[in-house]
């Protein structure tokens, strides 16, 4: 067997991004990267080192049908993430829209956003009562599609069929 050398994936791409992903109705996962250029600009502007700056993820919560741009008075939470590049956020509200900013604090304690995430919406964690009024009293059973009494004869008008193409029978060819 030959020794094939596979290149390693890079640990960073030197780009700015912040991505949110839904895990379940009350949890989301975020991962991010801040480019060297952004770090240099911020540290030069604030005359300090990146290690001395607080790293904050600000999570904005909106109703599920709102835009990804946080409105004035939008509910938010700040989480100090230190030098992490990913984080799980727990105890979210189901059926809500979330957006996040990665940023830092200036010397006055004001949040300075550096990058913004995509918008996610957490799913509901219960059945809509007005859509299924009897859902809480209903039991669901699994029924097999084919039982011993079910026939497996062709019922399609096309004897030759694939999920991509319907083949017309050719004259003189028996399927």
N, C-alpha and C. Protein backbone atom coordinates (compact mmCIF):
# COMPACT_ATOMS: atom_id res chain seq x y z
N UNK A 1 0.85 -1.18 0.00
CA UNK A 1 0.00 0.00 0.00
C UNK A 1 0.89 1.23 0.00
N UNK A 2 0.57 2.19 -0.82
CA UNK A 2 1.39 3.39 -0.91
C UNK A 2 1.06 4.35 0.23
N UNK A 3 2.06 5.13 0.57
CA UNK A 3 1.88 6.13 1.62
C UNK A 3 1.34 7.41 0.99
N UNK A 4 0.03 7.59 1.10
CA UNK A 4 -0.61 8.79 0.56
C UNK A 4 -0.66 9.82 1.67
N UNK A 5 -0.17 11.00 1.35
CA UNK A 5 -0.18 12.08 2.33
C UNK A 5 -1.38 12.97 2.03
N UNK A 6 -2.27 13.07 3.01
CA UNK A 6 -3.45 13.92 2.86
C UNK A 6 -3.18 15.26 3.53
N UNK A 7 -3.45 16.34 2.84
CA UNK A 7 -3.23 17.65 3.48
C UNK A 7 -4.20 17.84 4.64
N UNK A 8 -3.73 18.47 5.69
CA UNK A 8 -4.57 18.74 6.84
C UNK A 8 -5.47 19.93 6.55
N UNK A 9 -6.64 19.90 7.15
CA UNK A 9 -7.53 21.06 7.02
C UNK A 9 -6.95 22.21 7.82
N UNK A 10 -7.08 23.41 7.32
CA UNK A 10 -6.55 24.56 8.08
C UNK A 10 -7.34 24.75 9.37
N UNK A 11 -6.67 25.24 10.39
CA UNK A 11 -7.35 25.52 11.66
C UNK A 11 -8.09 26.83 11.61
N UNK A 12 -7.74 27.70 10.67
CA UNK A 12 -8.42 28.98 10.50
C UNK A 12 -8.36 29.38 9.04
N UNK A 13 -9.32 30.20 8.63
CA UNK A 13 -9.38 30.65 7.24
C UNK A 13 -9.11 32.15 7.11
N UNK A 14 -8.83 32.81 8.22
CA UNK A 14 -8.53 34.24 8.25
C UNK A 14 -9.65 35.06 7.61
N UNK A 15 -10.87 34.73 8.01
CA UNK A 15 -12.06 35.43 7.53
C UNK A 15 -12.93 35.80 8.73
N UNK A 16 -13.81 36.76 8.53
CA UNK A 16 -14.78 37.12 9.56
C UNK A 16 -16.08 36.36 9.29
N UNK A 17 -16.51 35.57 10.24
CA UNK A 17 -17.82 34.94 10.14
C UNK A 17 -18.31 34.56 11.53
N UNK A 18 -19.60 34.50 11.66
CA UNK A 18 -20.29 34.05 12.88
C UNK A 18 -21.54 33.33 12.41
N UNK A 19 -21.59 32.02 12.63
CA UNK A 19 -22.71 31.21 12.17
C UNK A 19 -23.44 30.62 13.36
N UNK A 20 -24.77 30.69 13.30
CA UNK A 20 -25.62 30.08 14.31
C UNK A 20 -26.29 28.86 13.70
N UNK A 21 -26.45 27.82 14.51
CA UNK A 21 -27.12 26.60 14.08
C UNK A 21 -28.06 26.15 15.18
N UNK A 22 -29.28 25.75 14.81
CA UNK A 22 -30.25 25.25 15.77
C UNK A 22 -29.88 23.82 16.15
N UNK A 23 -29.87 23.54 17.45
CA UNK A 23 -29.64 22.18 17.94
C UNK A 23 -30.97 21.55 18.30
N UNK A 24 -31.79 22.25 19.06
CA UNK A 24 -33.13 21.81 19.44
C UNK A 24 -33.93 23.06 19.83
N UNK A 25 -35.18 22.94 20.27
CA UNK A 25 -35.98 24.14 20.55
C UNK A 25 -35.38 25.10 21.58
N UNK A 26 -34.47 24.63 22.42
CA UNK A 26 -33.93 25.51 23.46
C UNK A 26 -32.41 25.67 23.41
N UNK A 27 -31.76 25.15 22.37
CA UNK A 27 -30.30 25.21 22.28
C UNK A 27 -29.86 25.57 20.87
N UNK A 28 -28.84 26.42 20.79
CA UNK A 28 -28.21 26.69 19.50
C UNK A 28 -26.69 26.61 19.67
N UNK A 29 -26.02 26.42 18.56
CA UNK A 29 -24.57 26.32 18.52
C UNK A 29 -24.07 27.46 17.64
N UNK A 30 -22.99 28.10 18.06
CA UNK A 30 -22.38 29.18 17.28
C UNK A 30 -20.90 28.88 17.09
N UNK A 31 -20.38 29.21 15.92
CA UNK A 31 -18.93 29.15 15.70
C UNK A 31 -18.54 30.37 14.90
N UNK A 32 -17.31 30.84 15.12
CA UNK A 32 -16.88 32.10 14.52
C UNK A 32 -15.39 32.16 14.34
N UNK A 33 -14.99 33.15 13.54
CA UNK A 33 -13.58 33.48 13.36
C UNK A 33 -13.50 34.97 13.09
N UNK A 34 -12.49 35.60 13.64
CA UNK A 34 -12.21 37.01 13.40
C UNK A 34 -10.88 37.06 12.66
N UNK A 35 -10.85 37.76 11.54
CA UNK A 35 -9.63 37.80 10.71
C UNK A 35 -8.53 38.60 11.40
N UNK A 36 -7.31 38.31 11.01
CA UNK A 36 -6.15 39.05 11.55
C UNK A 36 -6.26 40.54 11.22
N UNK A 37 -6.79 40.85 10.06
CA UNK A 37 -6.95 42.25 9.67
C UNK A 37 -7.91 42.98 10.60
N UNK A 38 -9.03 42.35 10.94
CA UNK A 38 -9.99 42.97 11.86
C UNK A 38 -9.38 43.12 13.24
N UNK A 39 -8.68 42.09 13.71
CA UNK A 39 -8.02 42.16 15.02
C UNK A 39 -7.02 43.31 15.03
N UNK A 40 -6.22 43.43 13.98
CA UNK A 40 -5.22 44.51 13.92
C UNK A 40 -5.90 45.88 13.93
N UNK A 41 -6.98 46.04 13.19
CA UNK A 41 -7.68 47.33 13.14
C UNK A 41 -8.27 47.70 14.50
N UNK A 42 -8.88 46.72 15.17
CA UNK A 42 -9.51 46.99 16.47
C UNK A 42 -8.46 47.29 17.53
N UNK A 43 -7.40 46.51 17.57
CA UNK A 43 -6.37 46.75 18.59
C UNK A 43 -5.64 48.06 18.34
N UNK A 44 -5.43 48.41 17.09
CA UNK A 44 -4.80 49.69 16.78
C UNK A 44 -5.72 50.85 17.19
N UNK A 45 -7.02 50.72 16.91
CA UNK A 45 -7.97 51.78 17.24
C UNK A 45 -8.08 51.99 18.75
N UNK A 46 -8.12 50.89 19.51
CA UNK A 46 -8.29 51.00 20.96
C UNK A 46 -6.96 50.98 21.72
N UNK A 47 -5.85 50.96 21.03
CA UNK A 47 -4.50 51.01 21.63
C UNK A 47 -4.32 49.98 22.74
N UNK A 48 -4.66 48.75 22.44
CA UNK A 48 -4.49 47.66 23.40
C UNK A 48 -4.24 46.37 22.62
N UNK A 49 -3.98 45.30 23.33
CA UNK A 49 -3.77 44.01 22.67
C UNK A 49 -5.10 43.25 22.64
N UNK A 50 -5.21 42.34 21.70
CA UNK A 50 -6.42 41.52 21.55
C UNK A 50 -6.66 40.70 22.81
N UNK A 51 -5.60 40.21 23.44
CA UNK A 51 -5.74 39.40 24.65
C UNK A 51 -6.34 40.18 25.81
N UNK A 52 -6.18 41.50 25.83
CA UNK A 52 -6.72 42.31 26.92
C UNK A 52 -8.15 42.79 26.67
N UNK A 53 -8.67 42.53 25.49
CA UNK A 53 -10.03 42.97 25.16
C UNK A 53 -11.04 41.88 25.49
N UNK A 54 -12.16 42.25 26.10
CA UNK A 54 -13.20 41.24 26.36
C UNK A 54 -13.86 40.83 25.04
N UNK A 55 -14.09 39.53 24.89
CA UNK A 55 -14.78 39.02 23.70
C UNK A 55 -16.19 38.64 24.13
N UNK A 56 -17.17 39.25 23.47
CA UNK A 56 -18.57 39.10 23.87
C UNK A 56 -19.38 38.61 22.67
N UNK A 57 -20.27 37.65 22.94
CA UNK A 57 -21.32 37.31 21.98
C UNK A 57 -22.61 37.90 22.55
N UNK A 58 -23.25 38.75 21.76
CA UNK A 58 -24.54 39.32 22.17
C UNK A 58 -25.62 38.61 21.35
N UNK A 59 -26.51 37.92 22.06
CA UNK A 59 -27.60 37.18 21.43
C UNK A 59 -28.87 38.03 21.50
N UNK A 60 -29.47 38.31 20.35
CA UNK A 60 -30.72 39.06 20.27
C UNK A 60 -31.87 38.09 20.06
N UNK A 61 -32.94 38.27 20.82
CA UNK A 61 -34.13 37.43 20.67
C UNK A 61 -35.28 38.28 20.15
N UNK A 62 -35.94 37.79 19.11
CA UNK A 62 -37.12 38.46 18.54
C UNK A 62 -38.22 37.42 18.35
N UNK A 63 -39.42 37.91 18.10
CA UNK A 63 -40.49 37.00 17.69
C UNK A 63 -40.03 36.32 16.41
N UNK A 64 -40.53 35.13 16.14
CA UNK A 64 -40.04 34.34 15.01
C UNK A 64 -40.24 35.01 13.66
N UNK A 65 -41.19 35.91 13.53
CA UNK A 65 -41.44 36.50 12.21
C UNK A 65 -40.74 37.84 12.01
N UNK A 66 -39.89 38.26 12.93
CA UNK A 66 -39.20 39.55 12.78
C UNK A 66 -37.96 39.38 11.91
N UNK A 67 -37.40 40.48 11.49
CA UNK A 67 -36.20 40.43 10.66
C UNK A 67 -34.98 40.09 11.52
N UNK A 68 -33.86 39.89 10.85
CA UNK A 68 -32.63 39.56 11.58
C UNK A 68 -31.96 40.79 12.18
N UNK A 69 -32.46 41.96 11.85
CA UNK A 69 -31.87 43.18 12.41
C UNK A 69 -32.54 43.46 13.74
N UNK A 70 -31.79 43.43 14.84
CA UNK A 70 -32.40 43.67 16.14
C UNK A 70 -33.05 45.05 16.21
N UNK A 71 -34.25 45.09 16.74
CA UNK A 71 -34.99 46.33 16.89
C UNK A 71 -34.61 47.00 18.20
N UNK A 72 -34.86 48.30 18.30
CA UNK A 72 -34.65 48.99 19.57
C UNK A 72 -35.51 48.30 20.62
N UNK A 73 -34.94 48.06 21.76
CA UNK A 73 -35.66 47.39 22.83
C UNK A 73 -35.71 45.89 22.69
N UNK A 74 -35.00 45.32 21.69
CA UNK A 74 -34.98 43.87 21.54
C UNK A 74 -34.30 43.25 22.75
N UNK A 75 -34.81 42.11 23.17
CA UNK A 75 -34.22 41.40 24.30
C UNK A 75 -32.88 40.82 23.86
N UNK A 76 -31.85 41.00 24.70
CA UNK A 76 -30.55 40.43 24.36
C UNK A 76 -29.84 39.96 25.62
N UNK A 77 -28.86 39.09 25.40
CA UNK A 77 -28.01 38.58 26.47
C UNK A 77 -26.57 38.66 26.01
N UNK A 78 -25.67 39.02 26.90
CA UNK A 78 -24.24 39.06 26.61
C UNK A 78 -23.55 37.88 27.29
N UNK A 79 -22.70 37.21 26.56
CA UNK A 79 -21.92 36.09 27.10
C UNK A 79 -20.47 36.35 26.77
N UNK A 80 -19.63 36.36 27.80
CA UNK A 80 -18.19 36.53 27.57
C UNK A 80 -17.62 35.18 27.19
N UNK A 81 -17.01 35.11 26.01
CA UNK A 81 -16.56 33.83 25.47
C UNK A 81 -15.04 33.65 25.50
N UNK A 82 -14.33 34.60 26.09
CA UNK A 82 -12.87 34.54 26.20
C UNK A 82 -12.25 34.31 24.82
N UNK A 83 -11.39 33.31 24.68
CA UNK A 83 -10.74 33.05 23.39
C UNK A 83 -11.36 31.88 22.65
N UNK A 84 -12.57 31.48 23.03
CA UNK A 84 -13.25 30.36 22.37
C UNK A 84 -13.60 30.74 20.93
N UNK A 85 -13.78 29.74 20.10
CA UNK A 85 -14.21 29.97 18.72
C UNK A 85 -15.55 29.28 18.44
N UNK A 86 -16.16 28.73 19.47
CA UNK A 86 -17.49 28.14 19.34
C UNK A 86 -18.13 28.07 20.73
N UNK A 87 -19.47 27.96 20.74
CA UNK A 87 -20.18 27.99 22.01
C UNK A 87 -21.57 27.40 21.82
N UNK A 88 -22.06 26.68 22.85
CA UNK A 88 -23.45 26.25 22.90
C UNK A 88 -24.22 27.22 23.78
N UNK A 89 -25.37 27.66 23.31
CA UNK A 89 -26.24 28.55 24.07
C UNK A 89 -27.49 27.77 24.44
N UNK A 90 -27.72 27.63 25.74
CA UNK A 90 -28.84 26.84 26.25
C UNK A 90 -29.93 27.76 26.80
N UNK A 91 -31.06 27.15 27.12
CA UNK A 91 -32.20 27.84 27.74
C UNK A 91 -32.75 28.96 26.87
N UNK A 92 -32.78 28.73 25.57
CA UNK A 92 -33.41 29.67 24.65
C UNK A 92 -34.92 29.46 24.67
N UNK A 93 -35.65 30.41 24.13
CA UNK A 93 -37.10 30.30 24.05
C UNK A 93 -37.48 29.65 22.73
N UNK A 94 -38.29 28.58 22.76
CA UNK A 94 -38.72 27.96 21.50
C UNK A 94 -39.54 28.94 20.66
N UNK A 95 -39.54 28.72 19.36
CA UNK A 95 -40.30 29.50 18.40
C UNK A 95 -39.94 30.98 18.43
N UNK A 96 -38.65 31.25 18.52
CA UNK A 96 -38.15 32.63 18.51
C UNK A 96 -37.05 32.74 17.47
N UNK A 97 -36.84 33.94 17.00
CA UNK A 97 -35.79 34.23 16.05
C UNK A 97 -34.60 34.79 16.82
N UNK A 98 -33.40 34.32 16.46
CA UNK A 98 -32.18 34.77 17.14
C UNK A 98 -31.15 35.24 16.12
N UNK A 99 -30.44 36.28 16.50
CA UNK A 99 -29.30 36.80 15.75
C UNK A 99 -28.23 37.10 16.78
N UNK A 100 -26.97 37.04 16.39
CA UNK A 100 -25.89 37.31 17.34
C UNK A 100 -24.87 38.27 16.73
N UNK A 101 -24.24 39.02 17.60
CA UNK A 101 -23.10 39.86 17.24
C UNK A 101 -21.91 39.40 18.06
N UNK A 102 -20.74 39.35 17.43
CA UNK A 102 -19.49 39.16 18.16
C UNK A 102 -18.86 40.53 18.26
N UNK A 103 -18.43 40.87 19.48
CA UNK A 103 -17.84 42.19 19.64
C UNK A 103 -17.01 42.28 20.91
N UNK A 104 -16.73 43.51 21.28
CA UNK A 104 -15.92 43.78 22.47
C UNK A 104 -16.53 44.98 23.19
N UNK A 105 -15.96 45.34 24.31
CA UNK A 105 -16.41 46.51 25.05
C UNK A 105 -15.34 47.59 24.98
N UNK A 106 -15.76 48.83 24.82
CA UNK A 106 -14.79 49.92 24.86
C UNK A 106 -14.52 50.31 26.32
N UNK A 107 -13.70 51.33 26.55
CA UNK A 107 -13.33 51.68 27.93
C UNK A 107 -14.52 52.21 28.73
N UNK A 108 -15.60 52.58 28.05
CA UNK A 108 -16.80 53.06 28.74
C UNK A 108 -17.81 51.94 28.99
N UNK A 109 -17.45 50.73 28.57
CA UNK A 109 -18.35 49.60 28.76
C UNK A 109 -19.42 49.46 27.69
N UNK A 110 -19.30 50.21 26.60
CA UNK A 110 -20.26 50.11 25.50
C UNK A 110 -19.86 48.95 24.59
N UNK A 111 -20.86 48.19 24.18
CA UNK A 111 -20.63 47.06 23.29
C UNK A 111 -20.33 47.57 21.88
N UNK A 112 -19.24 47.06 21.30
CA UNK A 112 -18.81 47.42 19.95
C UNK A 112 -18.91 46.15 19.09
N UNK A 113 -19.95 46.02 18.25
CA UNK A 113 -20.07 44.81 17.43
C UNK A 113 -19.04 44.80 16.30
N UNK A 114 -18.48 43.63 16.06
CA UNK A 114 -17.50 43.48 14.97
C UNK A 114 -18.08 42.70 13.80
N UNK A 115 -18.84 41.65 14.08
CA UNK A 115 -19.47 40.86 13.02
C UNK A 115 -20.86 40.43 13.48
N UNK A 116 -21.73 40.17 12.51
CA UNK A 116 -23.10 39.73 12.78
C UNK A 116 -23.32 38.35 12.18
N UNK A 117 -24.14 37.57 12.85
CA UNK A 117 -24.44 36.21 12.40
C UNK A 117 -25.62 36.17 11.44
N UNK A 118 -25.88 34.98 10.97
CA UNK A 118 -27.11 34.69 10.26
C UNK A 118 -28.26 34.66 11.27
N UNK A 119 -29.48 34.66 10.78
CA UNK A 119 -30.65 34.56 11.66
C UNK A 119 -31.12 33.11 11.70
N UNK A 120 -31.47 32.65 12.89
CA UNK A 120 -32.06 31.31 13.02
C UNK A 120 -33.39 31.46 13.73
N UNK A 121 -34.23 30.46 13.60
CA UNK A 121 -35.49 30.40 14.33
C UNK A 121 -35.56 29.05 15.00
N UNK A 122 -35.73 29.06 16.31
CA UNK A 122 -35.85 27.80 17.04
C UNK A 122 -37.24 27.23 16.78
N UNK A 123 -37.36 25.91 16.69
CA UNK A 123 -38.67 25.31 16.44
C UNK A 123 -39.54 25.33 17.70
N UNK A 124 -40.84 25.13 17.48
CA UNK A 124 -41.74 24.97 18.63
C UNK A 124 -41.38 23.69 19.34
N UNK A 125 -41.71 23.61 20.61
CA UNK A 125 -41.48 22.36 21.33
C UNK A 125 -42.79 21.69 21.71
N UNK A 126 -43.89 22.10 21.07
CA UNK A 126 -45.18 21.46 21.30
C UNK A 126 -46.02 21.57 20.03
N UNK A 127 -47.09 20.79 19.99
CA UNK A 127 -48.00 20.80 18.86
C UNK A 127 -48.90 22.03 18.97
N UNK A 128 -49.18 22.67 17.84
CA UNK A 128 -50.11 23.80 17.85
C UNK A 128 -51.50 23.29 18.19
N UNK A 129 -52.10 23.81 19.24
CA UNK A 129 -53.42 23.33 19.67
C UNK A 129 -54.52 23.71 18.69
N UNK A 130 -54.43 24.89 18.06
CA UNK A 130 -55.49 25.27 17.12
C UNK A 130 -55.41 24.48 15.82
N UNK A 131 -54.24 23.95 15.48
CA UNK A 131 -54.10 23.16 14.26
C UNK A 131 -54.53 21.72 14.50
N UNK A 132 -54.23 21.18 15.68
CA UNK A 132 -54.58 19.81 16.04
C UNK A 132 -55.22 19.83 17.42
N UNK A 133 -56.52 20.18 17.52
CA UNK A 133 -57.13 20.36 18.83
C UNK A 133 -57.15 19.10 19.69
N UNK A 134 -57.16 17.91 19.07
CA UNK A 134 -57.21 16.68 19.85
C UNK A 134 -55.85 16.01 19.98
N UNK A 135 -54.78 16.70 19.61
CA UNK A 135 -53.46 16.07 19.58
C UNK A 135 -53.02 15.56 20.93
N UNK A 136 -53.35 16.28 22.01
CA UNK A 136 -52.88 15.83 23.32
C UNK A 136 -53.60 14.58 23.81
N UNK A 137 -54.79 14.28 23.26
CA UNK A 137 -55.54 13.09 23.68
C UNK A 137 -55.42 11.95 22.68
N UNK A 138 -54.70 12.17 21.61
CA UNK A 138 -54.62 11.20 20.55
C UNK A 138 -53.38 10.33 20.71
N UNK A 139 -53.53 9.06 20.41
CA UNK A 139 -52.38 8.17 20.40
C UNK A 139 -52.11 7.79 18.95
N UNK A 140 -50.86 7.66 18.63
CA UNK A 140 -50.47 7.35 17.27
C UNK A 140 -49.86 5.96 17.26
N UNK A 141 -50.26 5.16 16.27
CA UNK A 141 -49.70 3.83 16.13
C UNK A 141 -49.04 3.74 14.77
N UNK A 142 -48.06 2.90 14.69
CA UNK A 142 -47.36 2.69 13.44
C UNK A 142 -47.97 1.50 12.73
N UNK A 143 -48.38 1.69 11.50
CA UNK A 143 -48.95 0.61 10.69
C UNK A 143 -47.98 0.31 9.56
N UNK A 144 -47.67 -0.95 9.36
CA UNK A 144 -46.81 -1.27 8.22
C UNK A 144 -47.55 -0.99 6.91
N UNK A 145 -46.81 -0.58 5.90
CA UNK A 145 -47.43 -0.27 4.61
C UNK A 145 -47.89 -1.52 3.88
N UNK A 146 -47.15 -2.58 4.01
CA UNK A 146 -47.53 -3.81 3.32
C UNK A 146 -47.83 -4.87 4.37
N UNK A 147 -49.05 -5.36 4.34
CA UNK A 147 -49.46 -6.44 5.25
C UNK A 147 -49.57 -7.71 4.42
N UNK A 148 -49.65 -8.87 5.06
CA UNK A 148 -49.74 -10.11 4.28
C UNK A 148 -50.90 -10.13 3.31
N UNK A 149 -51.99 -9.41 3.59
CA UNK A 149 -53.15 -9.43 2.69
C UNK A 149 -53.01 -8.44 1.54
N UNK A 150 -51.96 -7.63 1.54
CA UNK A 150 -51.78 -6.62 0.50
C UNK A 150 -51.13 -7.25 -0.72
N UNK A 151 -51.64 -6.92 -1.88
CA UNK A 151 -51.07 -7.44 -3.12
C UNK A 151 -49.89 -6.58 -3.54
N UNK A 152 -48.94 -7.16 -4.22
CA UNK A 152 -47.79 -6.41 -4.71
C UNK A 152 -47.79 -6.33 -6.23
N UNK A 153 -48.97 -6.57 -6.87
CA UNK A 153 -49.06 -6.48 -8.33
C UNK A 153 -48.86 -5.04 -8.77
N UNK A 154 -48.43 -4.89 -10.04
CA UNK A 154 -48.28 -3.55 -10.60
C UNK A 154 -49.64 -2.89 -10.68
N UNK A 155 -49.77 -1.72 -10.10
CA UNK A 155 -50.99 -0.94 -10.26
C UNK A 155 -50.71 0.33 -11.05
N UNK A 156 -49.47 0.55 -11.43
CA UNK A 156 -49.09 1.72 -12.20
C UNK A 156 -49.40 1.49 -13.67
N UNK A 157 -49.78 2.54 -14.40
CA UNK A 157 -49.99 2.37 -15.84
C UNK A 157 -48.67 2.17 -16.58
N UNK A 158 -47.55 2.38 -15.91
CA UNK A 158 -46.24 2.24 -16.54
C UNK A 158 -45.53 1.03 -15.93
N UNK A 159 -45.30 -0.01 -16.71
CA UNK A 159 -44.65 -1.19 -16.15
C UNK A 159 -43.19 -0.97 -15.80
N UNK A 160 -42.53 -0.03 -16.48
CA UNK A 160 -41.14 0.27 -16.16
C UNK A 160 -41.09 1.70 -15.64
N UNK A 161 -40.63 1.85 -14.43
CA UNK A 161 -40.65 3.16 -13.79
C UNK A 161 -39.45 3.29 -12.87
N UNK A 162 -38.75 4.42 -12.94
CA UNK A 162 -37.75 4.74 -11.93
C UNK A 162 -38.13 6.09 -11.35
N UNK A 163 -37.52 6.45 -10.26
CA UNK A 163 -37.89 7.71 -9.61
C UNK A 163 -37.50 8.91 -10.45
N UNK A 164 -36.69 8.73 -11.46
CA UNK A 164 -36.25 9.84 -12.29
C UNK A 164 -36.91 9.86 -13.66
N UNK A 165 -37.26 8.70 -14.18
CA UNK A 165 -37.73 8.62 -15.55
C UNK A 165 -38.88 7.64 -15.67
N UNK A 166 -39.89 8.00 -16.46
CA UNK A 166 -40.95 7.07 -16.83
C UNK A 166 -40.59 6.56 -18.23
N UNK A 167 -40.49 5.26 -18.36
CA UNK A 167 -40.15 4.66 -19.64
C UNK A 167 -41.43 4.18 -20.30
N UNK A 168 -41.68 4.64 -21.51
CA UNK A 168 -42.83 4.18 -22.28
C UNK A 168 -42.50 2.78 -22.81
N UNK A 169 -43.48 1.87 -22.77
CA UNK A 169 -43.20 0.54 -23.31
C UNK A 169 -42.90 0.63 -24.81
N UNK A 170 -41.91 -0.15 -25.24
CA UNK A 170 -41.55 -0.17 -26.66
C UNK A 170 -42.38 -1.26 -27.34
N UNK A 171 -42.77 -0.97 -28.54
CA UNK A 171 -43.60 -1.91 -29.27
C UNK A 171 -42.82 -3.20 -29.53
N UNK A 172 -43.45 -4.30 -29.24
CA UNK A 172 -42.82 -5.59 -29.47
C UNK A 172 -41.96 -6.06 -28.32
N UNK A 173 -41.80 -5.25 -27.24
CA UNK A 173 -40.99 -5.64 -26.09
C UNK A 173 -41.92 -5.93 -24.93
N UNK A 174 -41.78 -7.10 -24.34
CA UNK A 174 -42.62 -7.48 -23.20
C UNK A 174 -41.82 -7.23 -21.93
N UNK A 175 -42.41 -6.52 -21.01
CA UNK A 175 -41.72 -6.19 -19.76
C UNK A 175 -41.86 -7.29 -18.76
